[in-house]
Amino acid sequence: MLLCEVPAHAHGAPTDPASRAYLCSPGQPTASSSPCRGAIAAGLPSTEWDNIRLPNVAGRDAARVPDGKLCSAGIAKYAGLDVPSAQWPATKLKSTAFTYRATIPHQGSFRFYATRPGYSPAQPLRWADLEQFLTVPSPPLVNGGYEFKVQLPKDRTGRHLIYTVWQNSDTPDTYYSCTDVEIAAAPAPQAAAAPPATAPPAAVPPAAAAPVTTQPTTKSAPPSTLAKSSTPRPVPVASSAEQPPSTATRIGLSAIVAALGGLTALGAIMLWRRRIL
């Protein structure tokens, strides 16, 4: 496929996250990486990191840019950017803000693509590996660049590539850029807090059992083995026929007899006095 030569003056490329060409430009610490050294050795004009463009594409990108040559747009001197390698410097995405630096501003629209799940940087990049996720027509120029708030597909994590197409409307040119990124996994949702533990219900005390009355038995047992009963037993009264009265009993009976005798004598004295009077 024959490609038209284009003037070697700059126009624009992604700088945040940065394109491969920008990371291989002079003054960038990543320019000493193995892929950048190989691309420069293959003829990459490192000072023209913002000039990967084709004229008169008019939206027919897949027809003009063949598979395996998307990063160079098929331009021979940029072919070193197409070399498959997992060693290309990748930007760890920390926000959804993208910046495309315009060294020469133009009117036009931007199309953003992301590699699909399963992408491998060690394989040549094809159009079938890309999914378009954003189109921005005619954004304003802010501080020398175009700024975007992007929303990447939610199922992309790990190593991926962002492919940017800038189609001018005030020139016949279209610009192409490859940007290697590391996409962090979305934070896992926090588990709902467990409800506070509740104390188990208090055990209901068992109903008090009715006291059991032990019925006396006719056969007596030894004192050490007799069960104590809550009902007092009647105390037997000794009869005179069985044993003589005790000394205390005899003294008590004598006192009673003496008292009765004294009362009889007193009554007799009082009766005698009444007769005299």
C-alpha atoms as a PDB file:
ATOM      1  CA  MET A   1       0.000   0.000   0.000  1.00  0.00           C
ATOM      2  CA  LEU A   2       1.417   3.353  -1.048  1.00  0.00           C
ATOM      3  CA  LEU A   3       1.236   6.128   1.518  1.00  0.00           C
ATOM      4  CA  CYS A   4       1.540   9.833   0.790  1.00  0.00           C
ATOM      5  CA  GLU A   5       4.473  11.648   2.344  1.00  0.00           C
ATOM      6  CA  VAL A   6       3.453  14.246   4.902  1.00  0.00           C
ATOM      7  CA  PRO A   7       5.270  17.408   6.008  1.00  0.00           C
ATOM      8  CA  ALA A   8       7.399  16.913   9.121  1.00  0.00           C
ATOM      9  CA  HIS A   9       5.812  19.426  11.414  1.00  0.00           C
ATOM     10  CA  ALA A  10       4.064  18.666  14.687  1.00  0.00           C
ATOM     11  CA  HIS A  11       0.383  18.680  15.600  1.00  0.00           C
ATOM     12  CA  GLY A  12      -0.539  16.544  18.626  1.00  0.00           C
ATOM     13  CA  ALA A  13      -0.555  13.299  20.633  1.00  0.00           C
ATOM     14  CA  PRO A  14      -1.678  11.961  24.010  1.00  0.00           C
ATOM     15  CA  THR A  15       0.521  12.986  26.933  1.00  0.00           C
ATOM     16  CA  ASP A  16      -1.583  11.823  29.922  1.00  0.00           C
ATOM     17  CA  PRO A  17      -1.600   8.891  29.776  1.00  0.00           C
ATOM     18  CA  ALA A  18       1.301   9.200  27.354  1.00  0.00           C
ATOM     19  CA  SER A  19       1.556   7.537  23.952  1.00  0.00           C
ATOM     20  CA  ARG A  20       4.427   5.231  23.006  1.00  0.00           C
ATOM     21  CA  ALA A  21       5.902   7.876  20.734  1.00  0.00           C
ATOM     22  CA  TYR A  22       5.831  10.508  23.503  1.00  0.00           C
ATOM     23  CA  LEU A  23       7.473   8.151  26.033  1.00  0.00           C
ATOM     24  CA  CYS A  24      10.272   7.513  23.509  1.00  0.00           C
ATOM     25  CA  SER A  25      10.911  11.238  22.931  1.00  0.00           C
ATOM     26  CA  PRO A  26      14.038  13.038  24.193  1.00  0.00           C
ATOM     27  CA  GLY A  27      13.952  13.987  27.865  1.00  0.00           C
ATOM     28  CA  GLN A  28      11.621  11.182  28.913  1.00  0.00           C
ATOM     29  CA  PRO A  29      13.168   8.651  31.359  1.00  0.00           C
ATOM     30  CA  THR A  30      11.304   5.887  29.534  1.00  0.00           C
ATOM     31  CA  ALA A  31      13.192   6.678  26.308  1.00  0.00           C
ATOM     32  CA  SER A  32      15.954   4.345  27.538  1.00  0.00           C
ATOM     33  CA  SER A  33      13.576   1.355  27.754  1.00  0.00           C
ATOM     34  CA  SER A  34      14.308  -1.600  25.511  1.00  0.00           C
ATOM     35  CA  PRO A  35      11.286  -1.067  23.167  1.00  0.00           C
ATOM     36  CA  CYS A  36      12.086   2.649  22.734  1.00  0.00           C
ATOM     37  CA  ARG A  37      15.733   1.951  21.948  1.00  0.00           C
ATOM     38  CA  GLY A  38      14.658  -0.624  19.381  1.00  0.00           C
ATOM     39  CA  ALA A  39      12.140   1.771  17.787  1.00  0.00           C
ATOM     40  CA  ILE A  40      14.724   4.565  17.568  1.00  0.00           C
ATOM     41  CA  ALA A  41      17.253   2.165  16.064  1.00  0.00           C
ATOM     42  CA  ALA A  42      14.618   1.201  13.468  1.00  0.00           C
ATOM     43  CA  GLY A  43      14.285   4.855  12.385  1.00  0.00           C
ATOM     44  CA  LEU A  44      11.776   6.419  14.809  1.00  0.00           C
ATOM     45  CA  PRO A  45      12.029  10.233  14.583  1.00  0.00           C
ATOM     46  CA  SER A  46      11.784  10.668  18.339  1.00  0.00           C
ATOM     47  CA  THR A  47      11.443  14.440  18.114  1.00  0.00           C
ATOM     48  CA  GLU A  48       8.303  13.991  15.995  1.00  0.00           C
ATOM     49  CA  TRP A  49       6.286  12.077  18.604  1.00  0.00           C
ATOM     50  CA  ASP A  50       3.183  14.169  17.691  1.00  0.00           C
ATOM     51  CA  ASN A  51       3.170  13.678  13.926  1.00  0.00           C
ATOM     52  CA  ILE A  52       1.796  10.176  13.271  1.00  0.00           C
ATOM     53  CA  ARG A  53      -0.823  11.195  10.700  1.00  0.00           C
ATOM     54  CA  LEU A  54      -2.326  10.230   7.367  1.00  0.00           C
ATOM     55  CA  PRO A  55      -4.128  12.517   4.895  1.00  0.00           C
ATOM     56  CA  ASN A  56      -7.536  11.953   3.330  1.00  0.00           C
ATOM     57  CA  VAL A  57      -8.610   9.036   5.488  1.00  0.00           C
ATOM     58  CA  ALA A  58     -12.100  10.482   6.014  1.00  0.00           C
ATOM     59  CA  GLY A  59     -13.112   7.920   8.629  1.00  0.00           C
ATOM     60  CA  ARG A  60     -11.945   4.883   6.641  1.00  0.00           C
ATOM     61  CA  ASP A  61      -9.380   4.001   9.278  1.00  0.00           C
ATOM     62  CA  ALA A  62      -9.504   0.202   9.003  1.00  0.00           C
ATOM     63  CA  ALA A  63      -9.147   0.457   5.223  1.00  0.00           C
ATOM     64  CA  ARG A  64      -6.090   2.711   5.408  1.00  0.00           C
ATOM     65  CA  VAL A  65      -4.317   1.319   8.495  1.00  0.00           C
ATOM     66  CA  PRO A  66      -3.624  -2.439   8.280  1.00  0.00           C
ATOM     67  CA  ASP A  67      -3.653  -4.895  11.206  1.00  0.00           C
ATOM     68  CA  GLY A  68      -0.311  -5.118  12.951  1.00  0.00           C
ATOM     69  CA  LYS A  69       0.541  -1.514  12.033  1.00  0.00           C
ATOM     70  CA  LEU A  70      -1.975   0.475  14.042  1.00  0.00           C
ATOM     71  CA  CYS A  71       0.606   2.242  16.239  1.00  0.00           C
ATOM     72  CA  SER A  72       2.607   3.484  13.273  1.00  0.00           C
ATOM     73  CA  ALA A  73      -0.460   4.124  11.083  1.00  0.00           C
ATOM     74  CA  GLY A  74       1.483   2.167   8.439  1.00  0.00           C
ATOM     75  CA  ILE A  75       4.175   4.865   8.188  1.00  0.00           C
ATOM     76  CA  ALA A  76       7.524   3.103   7.781  1.00  0.00           C
ATOM     77  CA  LYS A  77       9.648   5.358  10.003  1.00  0.00           C
ATOM     78  CA  TYR A  78       7.286   4.740  12.942  1.00  0.00           C
ATOM     79  CA  ALA A  79       7.208   0.957  12.425  1.00  0.00           C
ATOM     80  CA  GLY A  80       9.241   0.396  15.593  1.00  0.00           C
ATOM     81  CA  LEU A  81       6.128   1.405  17.602  1.00  0.00           C
ATOM     82  CA  ASP A  82       4.295  -1.671  16.257  1.00  0.00           C
ATOM     83  CA  VAL A  83       6.749  -4.224  17.695  1.00  0.00           C
ATOM     84  CA  PRO A  84       4.782  -6.516  20.063  1.00  0.00           C
ATOM     85  CA  SER A  85       6.309  -6.477  23.548  1.00  0.00           C
ATOM     86  CA  ALA A  86       5.197  -6.585  27.171  1.00  0.00           C
ATOM     87  CA  GLN A  87       8.147  -4.259  27.925  1.00  0.00           C
ATOM     88  CA  TRP A  88       6.515  -1.119  26.547  1.00  0.00           C
ATOM     89  CA  PRO A  89       6.306   1.448  29.390  1.00  0.00           C
ATOM     90  CA  ALA A  90       2.739   1.500  30.730  1.00  0.00           C
ATOM     91  CA  THR A  91       0.994   4.254  32.670  1.00  0.00           C
ATOM     92  CA  LYS A  92      -0.902   3.222  35.787  1.00  0.00           C
ATOM     93  CA  LEU A  93      -4.257   4.926  35.474  1.00  0.00           C
ATOM     94  CA  LYS A  94      -5.102   6.921  38.609  1.00  0.00           C
ATOM     95  CA  SER A  95      -7.999   8.971  37.242  1.00  0.00           C
ATOM     96  CA  THR A  96     -10.423   9.249  34.343  1.00  0.00           C
ATOM     97  CA  ALA A  97      -8.873  12.518  33.100  1.00  0.00           C
ATOM     98  CA  PHE A  98      -7.069  12.247  29.745  1.00  0.00           C
ATOM     99  CA  THR A  99      -5.008  14.973  28.052  1.00  0.00           C
ATOM    100  CA  TYR A 100      -4.159  15.203  24.352  1.00  0.00           C
ATOM    101  CA  ARG A 101      -1.489  17.842  23.800  1.00  0.00           C
ATOM    102  CA  ALA A 102      -1.957  20.016  20.710  1.00  0.00           C
ATOM    103  CA  THR A 103       1.329  21.407  19.450  1.00  0.00           C
ATOM    104  CA  ILE A 104      -0.708  22.881  16.585  1.00  0.00           C
ATOM    105  CA  PRO A 105      -4.421  23.143  17.453  1.00  0.00           C
ATOM    106  CA  HIS A 106      -7.023  21.855  14.991  1.00  0.00           C
ATOM    107  CA  GLN A 107     -10.756  21.438  14.904  1.00  0.00           C
ATOM    108  CA  GLY A 108     -11.974  17.871  14.793  1.00  0.00           C
ATOM    109  CA  SER A 109     -13.326  14.875  16.680  1.00  0.00           C
ATOM    110  CA  PHE A 110     -11.668  12.246  18.862  1.00  0.00           C
ATOM    111  CA  ARG A 111     -12.394   8.536  18.975  1.00  0.00           C
ATOM    112  CA  PHE A 112     -11.110   6.390  21.835  1.00  0.00           C
ATOM    113  CA  TYR A 113     -10.705   2.603  21.733  1.00  0.00           C
ATOM    114  CA  ALA A 114      -9.684   0.077  24.401  1.00  0.00           C
ATOM    115  CA  THR A 115      -8.331  -3.397  23.860  1.00  0.00           C
ATOM    116  CA  ARG A 116     -10.776  -6.178  24.634  1.00  0.00           C
ATOM    117  CA  PRO A 117     -10.483  -8.631  27.547  1.00  0.00           C
ATOM    118  CA  GLY A 118      -7.720 -11.146  26.877  1.00  0.00           C
ATOM    119  CA  TYR A 119      -5.468  -8.626  25.147  1.00  0.00           C
ATOM    120  CA  SER A 120      -1.755  -9.519  25.086  1.00  0.00           C
ATOM    121  CA  PRO A 121       0.891  -6.842  24.365  1.00  0.00           C
ATOM    122  CA  ALA A 122       3.092  -9.658  23.057  1.00  0.00           C
ATOM    123  CA  GLN A 123       0.773 -10.071  20.036  1.00  0.00           C
ATOM    124  CA  PRO A 124       0.455  -7.719  17.024  1.00  0.00           C
ATOM    125  CA  LEU A 125      -2.400  -5.230  17.503  1.00  0.00           C
ATOM    126  CA  ARG A 126      -5.440  -5.714  15.233  1.00  0.00           C
ATOM    127  CA  TRP A 127      -8.615  -3.735  14.736  1.00  0.00           C
ATOM    128  CA  ALA A 128     -10.533  -6.755  16.030  1.00  0.00           C
ATOM    129  CA  ASP A 129      -8.693  -6.341  19.354  1.00  0.00           C
ATOM    130  CA  LEU A 130     -10.233  -2.878  19.871  1.00  0.00           C
ATOM    131  CA  GLU A 131     -13.588  -1.682  21.182  1.00  0.00           C
ATOM    132  CA  GLN A 132     -14.611   1.971  20.792  1.00  0.00           C
ATOM    133  CA  PHE A 133     -15.843   3.440  24.087  1.00  0.00           C
ATOM    134  CA  LEU A 134     -15.906   7.224  23.537  1.00  0.00           C
ATOM    135  CA  THR A 135     -16.386   9.839  20.786  1.00  0.00           C
ATOM    136  CA  VAL A 136     -15.864  13.554  21.464  1.00  0.00           C
ATOM    137  CA  PRO A 137     -16.662  15.995  18.626  1.00  0.00           C
ATOM    138  CA  SER A 138     -14.851  19.368  18.542  1.00  0.00           C
ATOM    139  CA  PRO A 139     -13.651  19.669  22.176  1.00  0.00           C
ATOM    140  CA  PRO A 140     -12.343  23.108  23.296  1.00  0.00           C
ATOM    141  CA  LEU A 141      -8.624  23.758  23.628  1.00  0.00           C
ATOM    142  CA  VAL A 142      -7.609  24.155  27.305  1.00  0.00           C
ATOM    143  CA  ASN A 143      -4.068  25.185  28.308  1.00  0.00           C
ATOM    144  CA  GLY A 144      -2.592  23.975  25.039  1.00  0.00           C
ATOM    145  CA  GLY A 145      -4.408  20.650  24.984  1.00  0.00           C
ATOM    146  CA  TYR A 146      -7.689  18.823  24.784  1.00  0.00           C
ATOM    147  CA  GLU A 147      -8.988  17.415  28.040  1.00  0.00           C
ATOM    148  CA  PHE A 148     -11.411  14.520  28.447  1.00  0.00           C
ATOM    149  CA  LYS A 149     -13.322  12.748  31.176  1.00  0.00           C
ATOM    150  CA  VAL A 150     -13.467   9.136  30.091  1.00  0.00           C
ATOM    151  CA  GLN A 151     -15.288   6.075  31.355  1.00  0.00           C
ATOM    152  CA  LEU A 152     -13.426   2.897  30.494  1.00  0.00           C
ATOM    153  CA  PRO A 153     -15.353  -0.359  30.084  1.00  0.00           C
ATOM    154  CA  LYS A 154     -15.893  -1.789  33.564  1.00  0.00           C
ATOM    155  CA  ASP A 155     -14.623  -5.249  32.661  1.00  0.00           C
ATOM    156  CA  ARG A 156     -11.084  -4.050  31.789  1.00  0.00           C
ATOM    157  CA  THR A 157      -8.354  -4.581  34.359  1.00  0.00           C
ATOM    158  CA  GLY A 158      -4.621  -5.132  34.144  1.00  0.00           C
ATOM    159  CA  ARG A 159      -2.505  -4.439  31.071  1.00  0.00           C
ATOM    160  CA  HIS A 160      -4.362  -2.828  28.129  1.00  0.00           C
ATOM    161  CA  LEU A 161      -3.865  -0.379  25.280  1.00  0.00           C
ATOM    162  CA  ILE A 162      -5.800   2.824  24.533  1.00  0.00           C
ATOM    163  CA  TYR A 163      -5.955   3.664  20.836  1.00  0.00           C
ATOM    164  CA  THR A 164      -6.705   7.304  19.983  1.00  0.00           C
ATOM    165  CA  VAL A 165      -7.849   8.613  16.605  1.00  0.00           C
ATOM    166  CA  TRP A 166      -7.988  12.393  16.021  1.00  0.00           C
ATOM    167  CA  GLN A 167      -9.761  13.235  12.790  1.00  0.00           C
ATOM    168  CA  ASN A 168      -9.327  16.881  11.814  1.00  0.00           C
ATOM    169  CA  SER A 169     -12.148  18.843  10.247  1.00  0.00           C
ATOM    170  CA  ASP A 170     -10.064  21.883   9.261  1.00  0.00           C
ATOM    171  CA  THR A 171      -7.331  19.768   7.580  1.00  0.00           C
ATOM    172  CA  PRO A 172      -7.528  16.464   5.657  1.00  0.00           C
ATOM    173  CA  ASP A 173      -5.356  14.709   8.266  1.00  0.00           C
ATOM    174  CA  THR A 174      -6.091  12.020  10.859  1.00  0.00           C
ATOM    175  CA  TYR A 175      -3.697  11.248  13.750  1.00  0.00           C
ATOM    176  CA  TYR A 176      -3.131   7.849  15.441  1.00  0.00           C
ATOM    177  CA  SER A 177      -1.613   6.968  18.814  1.00  0.00           C
ATOM    178  CA  CYS A 178      -1.018   3.869  20.969  1.00  0.00           C
ATOM    179  CA  THR A 179      -0.950   4.269  24.762  1.00  0.00           C
ATOM    180  CA  ASP A 180      -0.084   1.384  27.104  1.00  0.00           C
ATOM    181  CA  VAL A 181      -1.902   1.448  30.450  1.00  0.00           C
ATOM    182  CA  GLU A 182      -2.360  -0.540  33.633  1.00  0.00           C
ATOM    183  CA  ILE A 183      -5.985  -0.494  34.786  1.00  0.00           C
ATOM    184  CA  ALA A 184      -6.555  -1.174  38.467  1.00  0.00           C
ATOM    185  CA  ALA A 185      -9.353  -3.495  39.472  1.00  0.00           C
ATOM    186  CA  ALA A 186     -12.465  -1.839  40.886  1.00  0.00           C
ATOM    187  CA  PRO A 187     -12.642  -1.991  44.693  1.00  0.00           C
ATOM    188  CA  ALA A 188     -14.742  -4.783  46.036  1.00  0.00           C
ATOM    189  CA  PRO A 189     -18.023  -3.780  47.587  1.00  0.00           C
ATOM    190  CA  GLN A 190     -17.969  -3.653  51.345  1.00  0.00           C
ATOM    191  CA  ALA A 191     -19.909  -6.346  53.115  1.00  0.00           C
ATOM    192  CA  ALA A 192     -22.938  -5.190  55.029  1.00  0.00           C
ATOM    193  CA  ALA A 193     -22.289  -4.850  58.736  1.00  0.00           C
ATOM    194  CA  ALA A 194     -23.615  -7.755  60.742  1.00  0.00           C
ATOM    195  CA  PRO A 195     -26.442  -6.871  63.142  1.00  0.00           C
ATOM    196  CA  PRO A 196     -25.399  -6.700  66.789  1.00  0.00           C
ATOM    197  CA  ALA A 197     -25.597  -9.981  68.611  1.00  0.00           C
ATOM    198  CA  THR A 198     -28.609 -10.331  70.883  1.00  0.00           C
ATOM    199  CA  ALA A 199     -28.546 -12.156  74.191  1.00  0.00           C
ATOM    200  CA  PRO A 200     -30.341 -15.497  74.128  1.00  0.00           C
ATOM    201  CA  PRO A 201     -33.733 -15.482  75.850  1.00  0.00           C
ATOM    202  CA  ALA A 202     -33.554 -16.184  79.579  1.00  0.00           C
ATOM    203  CA  ALA A 203     -34.374 -19.720  80.499  1.00  0.00           C
ATOM    204  CA  VAL A 204     -37.721 -20.111  82.242  1.00  0.00           C
ATOM    205  CA  PRO A 205     -37.101 -21.596  85.709  1.00  0.00           C
ATOM    206  CA  PRO A 206     -38.819 -24.921  86.182  1.00  0.00           C
ATOM    207  CA  ALA A 207     -41.958 -24.965  88.367  1.00  0.00           C
ATOM    208  CA  ALA A 208     -41.241 -25.726  91.992  1.00  0.00           C
ATOM    209  CA  ALA A 209     -41.967 -29.317  92.734  1.00  0.00           C
ATOM    210  CA  ALA A 210     -44.501 -30.062  95.472  1.00  0.00           C
ATOM    211  CA  PRO A 211     -42.878 -31.330  98.688  1.00  0.00           C
ATOM    212  CA  VAL A 212     -42.920 -35.044  99.022  1.00  0.00           C
ATOM    213  CA  THR A 213     -44.154 -36.328 102.433  1.00  0.00           C
ATOM    214  CA  THR A 214     -42.547 -39.469 103.584  1.00  0.00           C
ATOM    215  CA  GLN A 215     -45.017 -41.778 105.210  1.00  0.00           C
ATOM    216  CA  PRO A 216     -43.772 -43.367 108.429  1.00  0.00           C
ATOM    217  CA  THR A 217     -43.193 -47.052 108.287  1.00  0.00           C
ATOM    218  CA  THR A 218     -43.836 -49.569 110.991  1.00  0.00           C
ATOM    219  CA  LYS A 219     -40.285 -50.851 110.778  1.00  0.00           C
ATOM    220  CA  SER A 220     -37.850 -48.480 112.427  1.00  0.00           C
ATOM    221  CA  ALA A 221     -34.455 -47.888 110.937  1.00  0.00           C
ATOM    222  CA  PRO A 222     -31.225 -46.857 112.573  1.00  0.00           C
ATOM    223  CA  PRO A 223     -31.101 -43.120 113.487  1.00  0.00           C
ATOM    224  CA  SER A 224     -28.354 -42.462 110.927  1.00  0.00           C
ATOM    225  CA  THR A 225     -30.478 -43.818 108.083  1.00  0.00           C
ATOM    226  CA  LEU A 226     -33.910 -42.413 109.013  1.00  0.00           C
ATOM    227  CA  ALA A 227     -35.147 -39.750 106.621  1.00  0.00           C
ATOM    228  CA  LYS A 228     -36.142 -36.527 108.298  1.00  0.00           C
ATOM    229  CA  SER A 229     -39.819 -35.686 107.741  1.00  0.00           C
ATOM    230  CA  SER A 230     -41.251 -32.196 107.659  1.00  0.00           C
ATOM    231  CA  THR A 231     -44.259 -33.435 109.746  1.00  0.00           C
ATOM    232  CA  PRO A 232     -43.395 -33.811 113.494  1.00  0.00           C
ATOM    233  CA  ARG A 233     -44.228 -37.128 114.967  1.00  0.00           C
ATOM    234  CA  PRO A 234     -46.356 -37.350 118.165  1.00  0.00           C
ATOM    235  CA  VAL A 235     -44.342 -37.873 121.362  1.00  0.00           C
ATOM    236  CA  PRO A 236     -45.613 -40.926 123.311  1.00  0.00           C
ATOM    237  CA  VAL A 237     -46.532 -40.348 127.018  1.00  0.00           C
ATOM    238  CA  ALA A 238     -45.228 -42.910 129.424  1.00  0.00           C
ATOM    239  CA  SER A 239     -47.934 -44.599 131.540  1.00  0.00           C
ATOM    240  CA  SER A 240     -47.640 -45.332 135.274  1.00  0.00           C
ATOM    241  CA  ALA A 241     -48.024 -48.967 134.582  1.00  0.00           C
ATOM    242  CA  GLU A 242     -44.908 -49.041 132.510  1.00  0.00           C
ATOM    243  CA  GLN A 243     -42.562 -47.019 134.829  1.00  0.00           C
ATOM    244  CA  PRO A 244     -42.802 -44.968 138.111  1.00  0.00           C
ATOM    245  CA  PRO A 245     -43.195 -41.185 137.909  1.00  0.00           C
ATOM    246  CA  SER A 246     -40.042 -39.149 137.954  1.00  0.00           C
ATOM    247  CA  THR A 247     -38.896 -37.034 140.948  1.00  0.00           C
ATOM    248  CA  ALA A 248     -40.019 -33.812 139.264  1.00  0.00           C
ATOM    249  CA  THR A 249     -43.460 -35.247 138.723  1.00  0.00           C
ATOM    250  CA  ARG A 250     -43.768 -36.237 142.413  1.00  0.00           C
ATOM    251  CA  ILE A 251     -42.664 -32.764 143.620  1.00  0.00           C
ATOM    252  CA  GLY A 252     -45.161 -31.109 141.297  1.00  0.00           C
ATOM    253  CA  LEU A 253     -48.025 -33.271 142.511  1.00  0.00           C
ATOM    254  CA  SER A 254     -47.100 -32.538 146.170  1.00  0.00           C
ATOM    255  CA  ALA A 255     -47.134 -28.815 145.471  1.00  0.00           C
ATOM    256  CA  ILE A 256     -50.570 -29.052 143.939  1.00  0.00           C
ATOM    257  CA  VAL A 257     -51.942 -31.020 146.889  1.00  0.00           C
ATOM    258  CA  ALA A 258     -50.454 -28.518 149.364  1.00  0.00           C
ATOM    259  CA  ALA A 259     -51.974 -25.614 147.448  1.00  0.00           C
ATOM    260  CA  LEU A 260     -55.377 -27.260 147.462  1.00  0.00           C
ATOM    261  CA  GLY A 261     -55.082 -27.882 151.202  1.00  0.00           C
ATOM    262  CA  GLY A 262     -54.159 -24.262 151.828  1.00  0.00           C
ATOM    263  CA  LEU A 263     -57.148 -23.067 149.886  1.00  0.00           C
ATOM    264  CA  THR A 264     -59.450 -25.395 151.862  1.00  0.00           C
ATOM    265  CA  ALA A 265     -58.115 -24.091 155.164  1.00  0.00           C
ATOM    266  CA  LEU A 266     -58.474 -20.480 154.065  1.00  0.00           C
ATOM    267  CA  GLY A 267     -62.070 -21.123 153.029  1.00  0.00           C
ATOM    268  CA  ALA A 268     -62.839 -22.657 156.391  1.00  0.00           C
ATOM    269  CA  ILE A 269     -61.389 -19.676 158.272  1.00  0.00           C
ATOM    270  CA  MET A 270     -63.410 -17.218 156.248  1.00  0.00           C
ATOM    271  CA  LEU A 271     -66.611 -19.198 156.835  1.00  0.00           C
ATOM    272  CA  TRP A 272     -65.961 -19.250 160.600  1.00  0.00           C
ATOM    273  CA  ARG A 273     -65.457 -15.499 160.741  1.00  0.00           C
ATOM    274  CA  ARG A 274     -68.762 -14.863 158.945  1.00  0.00           C
ATOM    275  CA  ARG A 275     -70.582 -16.951 161.542  1.00  0.00           C
ATOM    276  CA  ILE A 276     -69.006 -15.036 164.384  1.00  0.00           C
ATOM    277  CA  LEU A 277     -69.863 -11.708 162.956  1.00  0.00           C
END
